[in-house]
Amino acid sequence: MRHGKKHNHLGRTTSHRKAMLANMASSLITHKRITTTLAKAKALRVYVEPIITKSKNDTTHSRRTVFAYLQNKEVVTELFRDVAAKVADRPGGYTRIIKLNNRLGDNAEMALIELVDYNEVYGKDAAAAEKKTTRRGRTKAKKADAPAAEVKEAAPVAEAKEEVAEAPVAEETVPEAPAADDAEEQKA
């Protein structure tokens, strides 16, 4: 009887499932993110998180235990050298699953599974979005940023003089444009 044995067989034999999860875990550790089906991503998370936890303790025994799961010497080296150093202070939850659109061929639910600490893309987008909202709300912040930029450019004196000479020309052309618009409006 299989009471209390809850894991997804993924429509494969035990040996095929173990080999597939080992290959997917190796790809995840190497590339830091992979796209797969949602069911495989959930199974991979259960498979790879204890392996990453073992990698935090760099002993010969833990290396051999992890190698028994992954069967790839280069991946084990990268896991213990690079990944373990980045996740050293994290108590768990090393992976993130992001749902994607369904696959066109068979309408399977797709997902992106990635290592949380290697997520530079989403962190930059969030920081950029926060900066944009603060700048839109405050006009004083723009004025404060502009003098700081001019101070940085003040070192090359020749360039600064050219900018000053060009600035009045730009200001003179701006008032002429509304005057032409007013003349067109009066004719109409």
Protein backbone atom coordinates (compact mmCIF):
# COMPACT_ATOMS: atom_id res chain seq x y z
CA MET A 1 0.00 0.00 0.00
CA ARG A 2 1.21 3.50 -0.80
CA HIS A 3 -0.30 5.30 2.18
CA GLY A 4 1.31 8.66 2.94
CA LYS A 5 3.56 8.64 -0.13
CA LYS A 6 2.65 11.90 -1.81
CA HIS A 7 4.73 12.92 -4.79
CA ASN A 8 3.96 13.45 -8.43
CA HIS A 9 5.09 10.55 -10.61
CA LEU A 10 4.95 12.80 -13.70
CA GLY A 11 3.85 9.85 -15.86
CA ARG A 12 7.30 8.24 -15.68
CA THR A 13 8.99 5.28 -14.11
CA THR A 14 11.05 5.84 -10.99
CA SER A 15 14.40 5.69 -12.77
CA HIS A 16 13.23 8.01 -15.57
CA ARG A 17 11.80 10.50 -13.06
CA LYS A 18 15.00 10.54 -10.98
CA ALA A 19 17.16 11.01 -14.08
CA MET A 20 14.91 13.80 -15.37
CA LEU A 21 14.89 15.65 -12.04
CA ALA A 22 18.68 15.29 -11.74
CA ASN A 23 19.14 16.77 -15.22
CA MET A 24 16.67 19.58 -14.51
CA ALA A 25 18.39 20.35 -11.18
CA SER A 26 21.75 20.50 -12.97
CA SER A 27 20.31 22.88 -15.55
CA LEU A 28 18.77 25.05 -12.83
CA ILE A 29 22.04 25.31 -10.94
CA THR A 30 24.00 26.02 -14.12
CA HIS A 31 21.64 28.51 -15.77
CA LYS A 32 19.95 29.87 -12.59
CA ARG A 33 16.50 29.73 -14.26
CA ILE A 34 14.70 27.33 -16.56
CA THR A 35 11.30 27.17 -18.24
CA THR A 36 9.30 23.96 -17.85
CA THR A 37 5.79 22.76 -17.10
CA LEU A 38 4.22 23.75 -13.80
CA ALA A 39 4.06 20.15 -12.52
CA LYS A 40 7.74 19.55 -13.28
CA ALA A 41 8.68 22.88 -11.69
CA LYS A 42 6.87 21.95 -8.48
CA ALA A 43 8.51 18.52 -8.43
CA LEU A 44 11.91 20.11 -9.12
CA ARG A 45 11.48 22.53 -6.23
CA VAL A 46 10.90 19.64 -3.81
CA TYR A 47 13.95 17.88 -5.29
CA VAL A 48 16.45 20.76 -5.40
CA GLU A 49 15.79 22.68 -2.16
CA PRO A 50 17.21 19.97 0.16
CA ILE A 51 20.23 19.70 -2.15
CA ILE A 52 20.89 23.44 -1.83
CA THR A 53 20.48 23.18 1.95
CA LYS A 54 23.10 20.42 2.02
CA SER A 55 25.46 22.57 -0.04
CA LYS A 56 25.60 25.17 2.74
CA ASN A 57 27.65 22.70 4.80
CA ASP A 58 30.78 22.15 2.71
CA THR A 59 32.05 18.77 3.88
CA THR A 60 33.16 15.72 1.97
CA HIS A 61 30.08 13.82 3.09
CA SER A 62 27.66 16.52 1.93
CA ARG A 63 29.47 16.77 -1.43
CA ARG A 64 29.15 13.02 -1.94
CA THR A 65 25.50 13.07 -0.92
CA VAL A 66 24.73 15.87 -3.38
CA PHE A 67 26.73 14.12 -6.10
CA ALA A 68 24.57 11.02 -5.61
CA TYR A 69 21.56 13.16 -6.58
CA LEU A 70 23.06 15.28 -9.37
CA GLN A 71 25.68 12.97 -10.98
CA ASN A 72 27.57 15.93 -12.44
CA LYS A 73 30.92 16.97 -11.00
CA GLU A 74 30.99 20.48 -12.51
CA VAL A 75 27.50 21.28 -11.24
CA VAL A 76 28.36 20.06 -7.74
CA THR A 77 31.46 22.28 -7.76
CA GLU A 78 29.46 25.30 -8.89
CA LEU A 79 26.76 24.58 -6.31
CA PHE A 80 29.18 24.43 -3.40
CA ARG A 81 31.38 27.31 -4.61
CA ASP A 82 28.94 29.90 -5.99
CA VAL A 83 25.36 29.09 -5.07
CA ALA A 84 26.03 28.08 -1.46
CA ALA A 85 27.87 31.35 -0.82
CA LYS A 86 24.91 33.38 -2.08
CA VAL A 87 22.25 31.48 -0.12
CA ALA A 88 24.27 31.11 3.08
CA ASP A 89 22.08 33.49 5.11
CA ARG A 90 18.74 32.33 3.64
CA PRO A 91 16.93 29.79 5.86
CA GLY A 92 15.08 28.14 2.97
CA GLY A 93 12.95 28.95 -0.05
CA TYR A 94 15.81 29.09 -2.51
CA THR A 95 13.64 28.82 -5.62
CA ARG A 96 10.77 30.83 -7.07
CA ILE A 97 8.12 29.56 -9.49
CA ILE A 98 6.52 32.10 -11.83
CA LYS A 99 3.56 30.94 -13.89
CA LEU A 100 3.69 31.67 -17.61
CA ASN A 101 1.22 31.34 -20.47
CA ASN A 102 0.06 27.91 -21.54
CA ARG A 103 2.11 26.11 -24.19
CA LEU A 104 0.67 26.42 -27.69
CA GLY A 105 1.02 22.78 -28.76
CA ASP A 106 -0.75 21.00 -25.91
CA ASN A 107 -2.00 23.87 -23.70
CA ALA A 108 0.20 22.70 -20.81
CA GLU A 109 0.67 25.13 -17.93
CA MET A 110 4.19 26.52 -18.20
CA ALA A 111 6.30 28.01 -15.43
CA LEU A 112 9.67 29.63 -14.90
CA ILE A 113 11.63 28.27 -11.94
CA GLU A 114 14.63 30.27 -10.79
CA LEU A 115 17.02 30.65 -7.91
CA VAL A 116 15.83 33.58 -5.82
CA ASP A 117 19.23 35.11 -5.04
CA TYR A 118 20.23 35.22 -8.71
CA ASN A 119 17.27 37.35 -9.75
CA GLU A 120 18.85 40.60 -10.96
CA VAL A 121 16.21 41.34 -13.60
CA TYR A 122 13.18 41.67 -11.34
CA GLY A 123 15.05 43.62 -8.68
CA LYS A 124 16.17 46.24 -11.21
CA ASP A 125 12.67 46.62 -12.64
CA ALA A 126 11.19 47.15 -9.18
CA ALA A 127 13.86 49.70 -8.23
CA ALA A 128 13.41 51.56 -11.52
CA ALA A 129 9.64 51.65 -11.05
CA GLU A 130 10.03 53.10 -7.55
CA LYS A 131 12.40 55.79 -8.79
CA LYS A 132 10.05 56.82 -11.58
CA THR A 133 7.08 57.22 -9.25
CA THR A 134 9.03 59.36 -6.78
CA ARG A 135 10.32 61.64 -9.54
CA ARG A 136 6.88 62.15 -11.04
CA GLY A 137 5.39 63.17 -7.73
CA ARG A 138 8.05 65.72 -6.79
CA THR A 139 9.22 68.46 -9.12
CA LYS A 140 11.77 69.64 -6.55
CA ALA A 141 13.61 66.34 -6.86
CA LYS A 142 14.20 67.01 -10.56
CA LYS A 143 15.62 70.44 -9.80
CA ALA A 144 17.86 68.96 -7.12
CA ASP A 145 19.11 66.30 -9.54
CA ALA A 146 19.85 68.82 -12.32
CA PRO A 147 22.48 70.89 -10.41
CA ALA A 148 24.21 67.70 -9.35
CA ALA A 149 24.51 66.70 -13.00
CA GLU A 150 25.88 70.14 -13.92
CA VAL A 151 28.49 69.94 -11.18
CA LYS A 152 29.75 66.66 -12.62
CA GLU A 153 30.03 68.23 -16.08
CA ALA A 154 31.69 71.42 -14.76
CA ALA A 155 35.13 69.79 -14.78
CA PRO A 156 35.56 70.06 -18.56
CA VAL A 157 35.36 73.86 -18.85
CA ALA A 158 35.28 73.94 -22.65
CA GLU A 159 32.18 71.75 -22.81
CA ALA A 160 30.44 73.78 -20.13
CA LYS A 161 31.02 77.03 -22.08
CA GLU A 162 29.58 75.47 -25.23
CA GLU A 163 26.48 74.37 -23.33
CA VAL A 164 25.99 77.87 -21.93
CA ALA A 165 26.34 79.38 -25.40
CA GLU A 166 23.79 76.95 -26.84
CA ALA A 167 21.26 77.41 -24.04
CA PRO A 168 20.16 81.02 -24.93
CA VAL A 169 19.66 80.02 -28.56
CA ALA A 170 17.31 77.26 -27.47
CA GLU A 171 15.39 79.68 -25.23
CA GLU A 172 14.93 82.18 -28.07
CA THR A 173 13.39 79.60 -30.40
CA VAL A 174 10.85 78.49 -27.82
CA PRO A 175 8.91 81.82 -27.59
CA GLU A 176 8.66 82.10 -31.39
CA ALA A 177 6.78 78.83 -31.75
CA PRO A 178 3.79 79.90 -29.59
CA ALA A 179 3.63 83.27 -31.40
CA ALA A 180 3.21 81.47 -34.73
CA ASP A 181 0.48 79.29 -33.21
CA ASP A 182 -1.36 82.39 -31.95
CA ALA A 183 -1.27 83.93 -35.44
CA GLU A 184 -2.75 80.77 -36.96
CA GLU A 185 -5.49 80.68 -34.33
CA GLN A 186 -6.45 84.33 -35.04
CA LYS A 187 -6.76 83.64 -38.78
CA ALA A 188 -9.05 80.68 -38.10
